[in-house]
Amino acid sequence: MLTKRDLLRTAALGAVAGSTLAAGPARAATAPGRPGFFKAKDIAEAGFIYGLPIVMNYGVMYEFAIDTAGPQFKAPFNQLHNEARVFTWQDTTVVTPNSDTPYSDVWMDLRAEPMVLSVPAVDPKRYYAIQLCDGNTYNFGYVGTRATGSDPGDYMVVGPHWTGPRPAGIRGVFRSTTQFALALFRTQLFEPADIGNVKAVQAGYQARPLSAFLKRPAPQAAPAIDFPKIDKELAKRNFFEFLDFALQFAPATPDEIWIREQLARIGIGPGKSFALADLSLEDKAEILLGMAEGQRKVEEAAKALGTSIDGWRVAAPFGDAAHFHGDWLLRAAAAQAGIYGNDAIEAMYPATRVDADGQTLDGSKHAYTLTFPAGRLPPAGAFWSVTMYDAKTQLLIKNPIDRYLINSPMLPGMKKGPDGATTLFIQAKSPGPDRESNWLPAPEGPMYIVMRIYLPRTTPPSILPAGQGTWQPPGLRRVG
């Protein structure tokens, strides 16, 4: 008689045998010192949840800073890149991209020496921020309107092992937990005609190695790296190979010791060389079953982040290492929902896939309205927006008026109701010329909507603390 274990193993082997992964050399399923079937599956599940943000980050870094021939390439390491535009449906590397603020970015290689980021004086009325995010997707520091003010300044970003002094003139020092890190600049655009002013601000941003800042000879360069090619399909097929590669640049923090020890038991980590294709069919089954269960848990957790308020999920999932404190499922869910999200004090992101009645938002079946009563617009110290995404891809959607969001700078050109309320018309087809100023185009299918509240107010009305604030987002209503 077959046991539950036998049935699961048989099903798993059948699934793997029918996959495109080539079988490696035949060997015993449980080698000496190696965990058994179910234990290895559990490790793979936990490892997938732990590693998903790390692999996602590597994928973005590869496309933006390494793959010079790729369509999404921005600039090589330690070189600042300015985008004097907002993101559109053609930007596909990062899920749920912001289309409010032109981006600047620099991917930093901190192995040889620190980097110095310099900012000009910025008009206090114009929001800007530099979010520092490392390979673990921890937000380890901020420069900008809220964090450091609008004055000019120089700030140093150091790697995990840096022990040098703080040079004169450096206003702040930020330490990454990994040897590669991202500095993501956001500069507020008030309206299309304002783009020239944004360019002027961007021209004042600088990113220099410490030696260049000090006008001294550069230290010996770090060893060259053979970065493995990654894309969405390779990430699915060779997930643990990419995690194995990325971990060599990420020294274990105290919260990671246990999971790193478990991953080492299945051959993953610094000094290891994991290769799924070299495993036996049964070994592959263990890994793939664990990955599938991990993916399921991450997707469920991403959809359930925070508190449900009139269909919106209101959460504060992003932060530094102390914020996550080893909660790998929260970190993975946050990355799945929208990698590189800000800390709650910098921005809040209410998100929804359902209307006020809990029904899935679908532009092929319904039109919707989102109404902010007079005096109840999102309480932002900087600005707010409502952005439309395709629910399947979490990317911006192509539409006939090239509008991906409605935000507070657009309010003067929008129409209000007799009672002073502002209503957004959310639908696939135009609501008509008299309402088009308030139209947020939707896809012909399931939709995902994210509200952004930059510098959320901390006094009433406020969305903070997340899920308990005195201001709550209104639900979407089906038309007719």
Protein backbone atom coordinates (compact mmCIF):
# COMPACT_ATOMS: atom_id res chain seq x y z
CA MET A 1 0.00 0.00 0.00
CA LEU A 2 1.34 3.43 -0.98
CA THR A 3 1.85 5.91 1.85
CA LYS A 4 1.21 9.66 1.53
CA ARG A 5 4.99 10.11 1.31
CA ASP A 6 5.19 7.58 -1.57
CA LEU A 7 2.35 9.29 -3.44
CA LEU A 8 3.91 12.72 -3.07
CA ARG A 9 7.28 11.46 -4.19
CA THR A 10 5.79 9.65 -7.22
CA ALA A 11 3.84 12.75 -8.24
CA ALA A 12 6.88 14.95 -7.84
CA LEU A 13 9.09 12.65 -9.88
CA GLY A 14 6.48 12.56 -12.63
CA ALA A 15 6.31 16.32 -12.71
CA VAL A 16 10.07 16.71 -12.89
CA ALA A 17 10.49 13.98 -15.49
CA GLY A 18 8.07 15.91 -17.71
CA SER A 19 9.89 19.21 -17.20
CA THR A 20 12.54 20.75 -19.43
CA LEU A 21 15.27 20.33 -16.81
CA ALA A 22 17.86 17.80 -17.88
CA ALA A 23 18.56 14.99 -15.45
CA GLY A 24 22.04 14.98 -13.95
CA PRO A 25 24.21 12.06 -12.93
CA ALA A 26 22.30 9.32 -11.14
CA ARG A 27 23.06 9.15 -7.43
CA ALA A 28 21.39 8.23 -4.18
CA ALA A 29 18.57 10.55 -3.15
CA THR A 30 19.92 10.83 0.37
CA ALA A 31 23.69 11.15 0.37
CA PRO A 32 25.62 11.01 3.65
CA GLY A 33 25.06 14.16 5.67
CA ARG A 34 22.28 15.30 3.36
CA PRO A 35 18.71 15.97 4.62
CA GLY A 36 15.98 13.51 3.72
CA PHE A 37 13.16 14.07 1.22
CA PHE A 38 10.75 16.12 3.29
CA LYS A 39 13.46 17.99 5.19
CA ALA A 40 15.12 19.07 1.93
CA LYS A 41 11.73 20.17 0.60
CA ASP A 42 11.18 22.29 3.70
CA ILE A 43 14.63 23.85 3.37
CA ALA A 44 13.98 24.65 -0.30
CA GLU A 45 10.65 26.25 0.63
CA ALA A 46 12.20 28.39 3.36
CA GLY A 47 15.17 29.16 1.11
CA PHE A 48 12.92 30.32 -1.72
CA ILE A 49 11.03 32.67 0.59
CA TYR A 50 14.29 33.97 2.05
CA GLY A 51 15.98 34.32 -1.32
CA LEU A 52 13.22 35.72 -3.54
CA PRO A 53 13.98 39.43 -2.89
CA ILE A 54 17.71 38.77 -3.29
CA VAL A 55 17.22 37.10 -6.68
CA MET A 56 14.71 39.75 -7.79
CA ASN A 57 17.22 42.46 -6.91
CA TYR A 58 19.98 40.66 -8.80
CA GLY A 59 17.71 40.50 -11.86
CA VAL A 60 17.13 44.26 -11.77
CA MET A 61 20.83 44.97 -11.19
CA TYR A 62 21.77 42.73 -14.12
CA GLU A 63 19.42 44.50 -16.53
CA PHE A 64 20.22 48.03 -15.35
CA ALA A 65 23.99 47.87 -14.71
CA ILE A 66 25.50 44.74 -16.28
CA ASP A 67 23.77 43.75 -19.54
CA THR A 68 25.12 46.57 -21.71
CA ALA A 69 23.36 45.22 -24.81
CA GLY A 70 19.97 44.89 -23.12
CA PRO A 71 17.05 47.28 -23.71
CA GLN A 72 16.79 48.20 -20.01
CA PHE A 73 20.49 49.02 -19.46
CA LYS A 74 21.07 52.34 -17.66
CA ALA A 75 24.75 52.74 -16.71
CA PRO A 76 27.69 50.67 -15.43
CA PHE A 77 28.48 50.37 -11.73
CA ASN A 78 29.33 53.58 -9.86
CA GLN A 79 28.04 55.79 -12.66
CA LEU A 80 24.93 57.90 -12.11
CA HIS A 81 22.13 57.65 -14.65
CA ASN A 82 19.35 60.24 -14.96
CA GLU A 83 15.98 59.55 -16.55
CA ALA A 84 14.44 62.90 -17.52
CA ARG A 85 11.04 61.24 -17.93
CA VAL A 86 8.56 59.17 -15.99
CA PHE A 87 8.13 55.42 -16.46
CA THR A 88 5.65 54.06 -19.03
CA TRP A 89 4.25 50.70 -20.14
CA GLN A 90 7.53 50.06 -21.96
CA ASP A 91 9.48 49.83 -18.68
CA THR A 92 9.22 46.19 -17.69
CA THR A 93 12.15 45.37 -15.40
CA VAL A 94 10.65 46.52 -12.08
CA VAL A 95 7.12 45.55 -11.00
CA THR A 96 4.68 48.31 -9.95
CA PRO A 97 6.98 51.09 -11.18
CA ASN A 98 6.39 54.64 -10.02
CA SER A 99 5.26 57.00 -12.80
CA ASP A 100 5.17 60.10 -10.58
CA THR A 101 8.82 61.05 -10.28
CA PRO A 102 11.63 60.90 -12.83
CA TYR A 103 14.27 58.53 -11.53
CA SER A 104 18.01 58.77 -11.23
CA ASP A 105 19.97 55.75 -10.08
CA VAL A 106 23.44 54.45 -9.44
CA TRP A 107 24.29 50.82 -8.79
CA MET A 108 27.22 50.88 -6.41
CA ASP A 109 30.08 48.38 -6.25
CA LEU A 110 31.39 48.97 -2.72
CA ARG A 111 34.07 46.28 -2.67
CA ALA A 112 37.11 48.49 -3.33
CA GLU A 113 36.01 51.72 -1.66
CA PRO A 114 32.92 53.69 -0.58
CA MET A 115 30.85 55.92 -2.84
CA VAL A 116 30.03 59.57 -2.17
CA LEU A 117 26.62 60.88 -3.22
CA SER A 118 26.33 64.66 -3.58
CA VAL A 119 23.12 66.66 -3.87
CA PRO A 120 22.52 70.31 -4.79
CA ALA A 121 20.22 72.75 -3.04
CA VAL A 122 16.65 71.79 -3.97
CA ASP A 123 13.59 74.04 -3.73
CA PRO A 124 11.84 72.98 -0.48
CA LYS A 125 8.56 72.87 -2.41
CA ARG A 126 9.93 70.12 -4.65
CA TYR A 127 10.03 66.69 -3.06
CA TYR A 128 13.13 64.62 -3.68
CA ALA A 129 14.61 61.57 -2.01
CA ILE A 130 17.53 59.19 -2.38
CA GLN A 131 16.54 55.74 -1.16
CA LEU A 132 19.49 53.50 -0.33
CA CYS A 133 18.62 49.84 -0.85
CA ASP A 134 21.07 46.93 -0.62
CA GLY A 135 21.13 43.46 -2.12
CA ASN A 136 18.96 42.16 0.72
CA THR A 137 16.35 44.81 -0.26
CA TYR A 138 16.84 46.59 3.07
CA ASN A 139 16.32 50.35 3.01
CA PHE A 140 19.48 51.25 4.91
CA GLY A 141 19.31 55.03 4.61
CA TYR A 142 17.73 58.14 3.10
CA VAL A 143 18.85 61.52 1.83
CA GLY A 144 16.26 64.09 0.80
CA THR A 145 13.43 66.43 1.72
CA ARG A 146 12.36 64.53 4.83
CA ALA A 147 15.57 62.89 5.94
CA THR A 148 18.22 65.59 5.45
CA GLY A 149 16.42 68.70 4.18
CA SER A 150 16.82 70.70 0.98
CA ASP A 151 20.37 72.00 1.50
CA PRO A 152 23.33 70.75 -0.55
CA GLY A 153 25.52 68.05 0.94
CA ASP A 154 27.82 65.06 0.51
CA TYR A 155 26.98 61.62 1.91
CA MET A 156 29.11 58.46 1.99
CA VAL A 157 27.86 54.92 1.34
CA VAL A 158 30.12 52.12 2.63
CA GLY A 159 30.16 48.36 2.26
CA PRO A 160 29.69 45.83 5.07
CA HIS A 161 33.42 45.55 5.86
CA TRP A 162 34.50 49.21 5.59
CA THR A 163 36.54 50.43 8.58
CA GLY A 164 38.02 53.70 7.31
CA PRO A 165 37.52 57.17 8.81
CA ARG A 166 34.74 59.62 8.00
CA PRO A 167 36.28 62.32 5.80
CA ALA A 168 35.80 66.00 6.54
CA GLY A 169 32.78 67.50 4.83
CA ILE A 170 30.77 64.27 4.76
CA ARG A 171 27.36 64.99 6.32
CA GLY A 172 26.36 61.35 6.83
CA VAL A 173 27.60 57.77 6.46
CA PHE A 174 25.33 54.88 5.46
CA ARG A 175 26.37 51.21 5.70
CA SER A 176 25.06 48.59 3.27
CA THR A 177 24.74 44.97 4.40
CA THR A 178 25.90 43.84 0.94
CA GLN A 179 28.81 44.71 -1.34
CA PHE A 180 26.51 45.90 -4.11
CA ALA A 181 23.77 48.44 -3.41
CA LEU A 182 21.37 50.77 -5.19
CA ALA A 183 20.89 54.51 -4.71
CA LEU A 184 17.47 55.36 -6.14
CA PHE A 185 16.77 59.07 -6.65
CA ARG A 186 13.20 60.38 -6.99
CA THR A 187 12.64 63.99 -8.10
CA GLN A 188 9.12 65.40 -8.13
CA LEU A 189 7.69 66.53 -11.49
CA PHE A 190 4.89 69.07 -11.07
CA GLU A 191 3.61 68.90 -14.67
CA PRO A 192 4.98 68.00 -18.13
CA ALA A 193 6.23 71.56 -18.67
CA ASP A 194 8.26 71.25 -15.45
CA ILE A 195 10.64 68.66 -16.91
CA GLY A 196 13.34 71.26 -17.59
CA ASN A 197 13.46 72.14 -13.90
CA VAL A 198 13.74 68.46 -13.01
CA LYS A 199 16.67 68.13 -15.41
CA ALA A 200 18.37 71.04 -13.67
CA VAL A 201 18.03 69.30 -10.30
CA GLN A 202 19.27 66.01 -11.74
CA ALA A 203 22.30 67.78 -13.21
CA GLY A 204 23.32 68.66 -9.67
CA TYR A 205 23.33 65.05 -8.45
CA GLN A 206 26.74 63.38 -8.32
CA ALA A 207 28.03 59.89 -7.50
CA ARG A 208 31.80 59.47 -7.07
CA PRO A 209 34.14 56.90 -5.53
CA LEU A 210 35.63 58.21 -2.29
CA SER A 211 39.08 58.55 -3.90
CA ALA A 212 37.66 60.84 -6.61
CA PHE A 213 35.82 62.90 -4.00
CA LEU A 214 39.06 63.31 -2.01
CA LYS A 215 41.09 63.80 -5.22
CA ARG A 216 43.42 60.96 -4.30
CA PRO A 217 44.67 57.94 -6.28
CA ALA A 218 42.15 55.14 -6.49
CA PRO A 219 42.82 51.93 -4.55
CA GLN A 220 43.38 48.64 -6.30
CA ALA A 221 40.29 47.64 -8.24
CA ALA A 222 38.18 44.78 -6.96
CA PRO A 223 38.42 41.50 -8.90
CA ALA A 224 36.35 41.22 -12.08
CA ILE A 225 33.18 39.17 -11.79
CA ASP A 226 31.58 36.86 -14.32
CA PHE A 227 27.94 37.79 -13.69
CA PRO A 228 25.55 35.03 -14.80
CA LYS A 229 22.89 36.06 -17.29
CA ILE A 230 19.41 36.24 -15.79
CA ASP A 231 15.94 36.81 -17.17
CA LYS A 232 12.47 35.93 -15.92
CA GLU A 233 12.57 32.39 -17.30
CA LEU A 234 16.09 31.68 -16.08
CA ALA A 235 15.15 33.02 -12.65
CA LYS A 236 12.35 30.47 -12.43
CA ARG A 237 14.42 27.59 -13.74
CA ASN A 238 17.72 28.30 -11.97
CA PHE A 239 16.52 30.22 -8.92
CA PHE A 240 18.90 28.67 -6.40
CA GLU A 241 21.90 29.06 -8.70
CA PHE A 242 21.30 32.82 -8.70
CA LEU A 243 20.78 32.87 -4.94
CA ASP A 244 23.97 30.85 -4.51
CA PHE A 245 25.84 33.42 -6.62
CA ALA A 246 24.39 36.50 -4.89
CA LEU A 247 25.09 35.31 -1.35
CA GLN A 248 28.84 35.54 -1.83
CA PHE A 249 28.47 39.34 -1.79
CA ALA A 250 26.18 39.37 1.26
CA PRO A 251 27.84 38.52 4.59
CA ALA A 252 25.37 36.83 6.91
CA THR A 253 23.73 39.08 9.48
CA PRO A 254 22.79 37.62 12.89
CA ASP A 255 19.19 37.10 11.72
CA GLU A 256 20.41 35.01 8.78
CA ILE A 257 22.64 32.48 10.51
CA TRP A 258 19.96 29.78 10.84
CA ILE A 259 18.65 30.00 7.27
CA ARG A 260 22.17 30.13 5.85
CA GLU A 261 23.07 26.96 7.77
CA GLN A 262 19.98 25.22 6.40
CA LEU A 263 20.72 26.30 2.82
CA ALA A 264 24.28 25.00 3.16
CA ARG A 265 22.79 21.54 3.88
CA ILE A 266 21.41 21.44 0.32
CA GLY A 267 24.54 22.94 -1.22
CA ILE A 268 23.66 26.65 -1.38
CA GLY A 269 25.80 29.52 -0.09
CA PRO A 270 29.27 31.08 -0.26
CA GLY A 271 31.83 28.45 -1.21
CA LYS A 272 29.11 26.23 -2.66
CA SER A 273 28.21 25.64 -6.28
CA PHE A 274 24.57 24.64 -6.53
CA ALA A 275 23.38 23.35 -9.93
CA LEU A 276 19.84 22.04 -10.19
CA ALA A 277 20.51 20.41 -13.57
CA ASP A 278 23.16 18.16 -11.99
CA LEU A 279 20.77 16.66 -9.44
CA SER A 280 18.95 13.37 -9.73
CA LEU A 281 15.23 13.42 -10.55
CA GLU A 282 14.28 12.80 -6.94
CA ASP A 283 16.56 15.57 -5.70
CA LYS A 284 15.02 17.94 -8.21
CA ALA A 285 11.59 16.95 -7.00
CA GLU A 286 12.46 17.97 -3.46
CA ILE A 287 13.73 21.37 -4.59
CA LEU A 288 10.90 22.10 -7.02
CA LEU A 289 8.19 21.10 -4.57
CA GLY A 290 9.70 23.40 -1.98
CA MET A 291 9.97 26.27 -4.44
CA ALA A 292 6.37 25.86 -5.56
CA GLU A 293 5.11 25.91 -1.99
CA GLY A 294 7.29 28.91 -1.19
CA GLN A 295 5.95 30.80 -4.21
CA ARG A 296 2.37 30.02 -3.18
CA LYS A 297 2.97 31.34 0.33
CA VAL A 298 4.63 34.51 -0.95
CA GLU A 299 1.77 35.28 -3.34
CA GLU A 300 -0.79 34.74 -0.61
CA ALA A 301 1.17 36.89 1.83
CA ALA A 302 1.56 39.70 -0.73
CA LYS A 303 -2.19 39.82 -1.28
CA ALA A 304 -2.85 39.83 2.47
CA LEU A 305 -0.31 42.49 3.49
CA GLY A 306 -1.56 44.85 6.16
CA THR A 307 -5.17 45.69 6.98
CA SER A 308 -8.15 45.54 4.62
CA ILE A 309 -9.99 48.87 4.44
CA ASP A 310 -12.87 49.13 1.96
CA GLY A 311 -11.03 46.78 -0.41
CA TRP A 312 -7.62 48.43 -0.02
CA ARG A 313 -4.70 46.73 1.69
CA VAL A 314 -2.99 49.29 3.93
CA ALA A 315 0.42 48.14 5.10
CA ALA A 316 3.91 49.28 6.02
CA PRO A 317 6.02 46.32 4.84
CA PHE A 318 9.26 48.06 3.77
CA GLY A 319 12.20 48.96 5.96
CA ASP A 320 15.71 48.17 7.12
CA ALA A 321 17.16 44.95 8.57
CA ALA A 322 15.77 45.73 12.02
CA HIS A 323 12.31 46.25 10.54
CA PHE A 324 12.21 42.72 9.11
CA HIS A 325 14.19 41.08 11.96
CA GLY A 326 14.31 37.74 10.15
CA ASP A 327 10.70 37.78 8.91
CA TRP A 328 11.59 36.47 5.45
CA LEU A 329 7.98 36.00 4.39
CA LEU A 330 7.23 39.67 5.05
CA ARG A 331 10.33 40.68 3.10
CA ALA A 332 9.40 38.44 0.17
CA ALA A 333 5.79 39.60 0.16
CA ALA A 334 6.93 43.23 0.16
CA ALA A 335 9.23 42.61 -2.82
CA GLN A 336 6.50 40.70 -4.64
CA ALA A 337 4.05 43.54 -4.09
CA GLY A 338 6.54 46.15 -5.33
CA ILE A 339 10.27 45.85 -4.91
CA TYR A 340 12.12 48.97 -3.68
CA GLY A 341 9.16 50.36 -1.78
CA ASN A 342 9.81 53.15 0.69
CA ASP A 343 9.60 53.12 4.48
CA ALA A 344 6.15 54.17 5.72
CA ILE A 345 7.44 57.50 7.00
CA GLU A 346 8.59 58.32 3.45
CA ALA A 347 5.61 56.96 1.52
CA MET A 348 2.53 54.81 2.01
CA TYR A 349 1.13 52.49 -0.67
CA PRO A 350 -2.51 51.43 -0.22
CA ALA A 351 -3.18 48.84 -2.93
CA THR A 352 -6.22 46.97 -4.18
CA ARG A 353 -7.34 44.28 -6.59
CA VAL A 354 -10.99 44.38 -5.50
CA ASP A 355 -13.82 46.88 -5.28
CA ALA A 356 -15.60 48.01 -2.12
CA ASP A 357 -17.73 44.84 -2.21
CA GLY A 358 -14.71 42.55 -2.43
CA GLN A 359 -15.24 41.70 -6.11
CA THR A 360 -12.18 41.41 -8.38
CA LEU A 361 -11.51 44.58 -10.37
CA ASP A 362 -11.91 43.79 -14.07
CA GLY A 363 -11.91 46.42 -16.80
CA SER A 364 -13.44 44.02 -19.33
CA LYS A 365 -16.59 43.65 -17.21
CA HIS A 366 -17.14 46.88 -15.32
CA ALA A 367 -16.41 50.58 -15.06
CA TYR A 368 -15.63 51.99 -11.61
CA THR A 369 -15.53 55.26 -9.71
CA LEU A 370 -13.25 56.33 -6.88
CA THR A 371 -14.60 59.37 -5.02
CA PHE A 372 -12.73 61.53 -2.54
CA PRO A 373 -15.21 63.68 -0.58
CA ALA A 374 -14.42 67.38 -0.20
CA GLY A 375 -11.62 67.83 2.29
CA ARG A 376 -10.77 64.10 2.27
CA LEU A 377 -8.09 63.84 -0.40
CA PRO A 378 -5.12 61.61 0.54
CA PRO A 379 -3.21 63.39 3.35
CA ALA A 380 0.24 63.87 1.82
CA GLY A 381 2.90 66.31 2.92
CA ALA A 382 4.42 66.15 -0.58
CA PHE A 383 1.96 64.69 -3.12
CA TRP A 384 -0.31 61.70 -3.77
CA SER A 385 -1.23 59.59 -6.80
CA VAL A 386 -3.42 56.69 -7.92
CA THR A 387 -1.67 54.42 -10.46
CA MET A 388 -3.13 51.68 -12.66
CA TYR A 389 -1.39 48.35 -13.36
CA ASP A 390 -2.22 45.14 -15.14
CA ALA A 391 -3.03 42.68 -12.36
CA LYS A 392 -1.20 39.79 -14.00
CA THR A 393 2.12 41.54 -14.64
CA GLN A 394 1.93 44.46 -12.18
CA LEU A 395 3.22 46.68 -15.00
CA LEU A 396 1.83 49.93 -16.38
CA ILE A 397 -0.66 49.51 -19.21
CA LYS A 398 -0.62 50.92 -22.72
CA ASN A 399 -3.59 53.24 -23.23
CA PRO A 400 -4.82 55.76 -25.83
CA ILE A 401 -4.04 58.90 -23.77
CA ASP A 402 -0.69 57.75 -22.29
CA ARG A 403 -2.00 58.31 -18.78
CA TYR A 404 -0.84 55.88 -16.13
CA LEU A 405 -1.97 57.71 -13.03
CA ILE A 406 -3.89 60.60 -11.59
CA ASN A 407 -2.02 62.63 -9.01
CA SER A 408 -2.42 65.75 -6.90
CA PRO A 409 -0.55 68.09 -9.31
CA MET A 410 -3.31 67.29 -11.86
CA LEU A 411 -6.11 68.54 -9.56
CA PRO A 412 -6.36 72.06 -11.05
CA GLY A 413 -7.29 70.53 -14.42
CA MET A 414 -9.83 68.07 -13.00
CA LYS A 415 -13.55 68.54 -12.44
CA LYS A 416 -15.24 68.48 -9.05
CA GLY A 417 -18.81 67.58 -8.18
CA PRO A 418 -21.35 70.11 -6.84
CA ASP A 419 -20.46 69.00 -3.32
CA GLY A 420 -16.73 69.56 -3.91
CA ALA A 421 -15.94 65.86 -4.21
CA THR A 422 -13.31 64.62 -6.68
CA THR A 423 -14.35 61.49 -8.60
CA LEU A 424 -11.97 59.38 -10.69
CA PHE A 425 -13.50 57.39 -13.56
CA ILE A 426 -11.65 54.08 -13.77
CA GLN A 427 -12.50 52.13 -16.92
CA ALA A 428 -11.10 50.72 -20.15
CA LYS A 429 -13.08 53.01 -22.49
CA SER A 430 -13.25 56.79 -22.31
CA PRO A 431 -16.05 58.06 -20.04
CA GLY A 432 -16.67 60.84 -22.57
CA PRO A 433 -15.05 64.21 -23.32
CA ASP A 434 -16.70 65.94 -20.35
CA ARG A 435 -15.20 63.41 -17.92
CA GLU A 436 -11.90 62.59 -19.58
CA SER A 437 -9.93 64.95 -17.32
CA ASN A 438 -10.80 62.58 -14.44
CA TRP A 439 -10.28 59.35 -16.40
CA LEU A 440 -7.77 56.73 -15.24
CA PRO A 441 -7.53 54.19 -18.10
CA ALA A 442 -7.89 50.55 -17.09
CA PRO A 443 -6.88 47.32 -18.85
CA GLU A 444 -9.35 45.05 -20.61
CA GLY A 445 -9.04 42.55 -17.78
CA PRO A 446 -8.03 42.29 -14.11
CA MET A 447 -6.45 45.42 -12.66
CA TYR A 448 -4.20 46.30 -9.75
CA ILE A 449 -4.33 49.82 -8.34
CA VAL A 450 -1.76 51.42 -6.05
CA MET A 451 -2.21 54.71 -4.23
CA ARG A 452 0.98 56.55 -3.26
CA ILE A 453 1.06 59.07 -0.43
CA TYR A 454 4.46 60.76 -0.26
CA LEU A 455 5.46 62.16 3.12
CA PRO A 456 2.23 60.99 4.78
CA ARG A 457 1.08 63.43 7.41
CA THR A 458 1.68 62.34 10.98
CA THR A 459 -1.12 64.46 12.48
CA PRO A 460 -4.85 63.93 11.80
CA PRO A 461 -6.06 63.31 9.23
CA SER A 462 -3.34 60.72 8.65
CA ILE A 463 -3.06 57.25 7.17
CA LEU A 464 -0.48 56.48 9.87
CA PRO A 465 -0.11 54.23 11.70
CA ALA A 466 -0.81 51.80 8.86
CA GLY A 467 -4.30 50.37 9.13
CA GLN A 468 -5.21 52.48 12.16
CA GLY A 469 -5.02 56.03 10.85
CA THR A 470 -7.71 58.69 11.05
CA TRP A 471 -7.83 58.85 7.23
CA GLN A 472 -8.92 55.79 5.26
CA PRO A 473 -8.99 55.31 1.48
CA PRO A 474 -12.50 55.15 -0.05
CA GLY A 475 -13.49 52.00 -1.89
CA LEU A 476 -14.01 51.64 -5.63
CA ARG A 477 -17.64 51.42 -6.75
CA ARG A 478 -18.94 49.60 -9.81
CA VAL A 479 -20.83 51.86 -12.23
CA GLY A 480 -24.33 50.67 -12.90
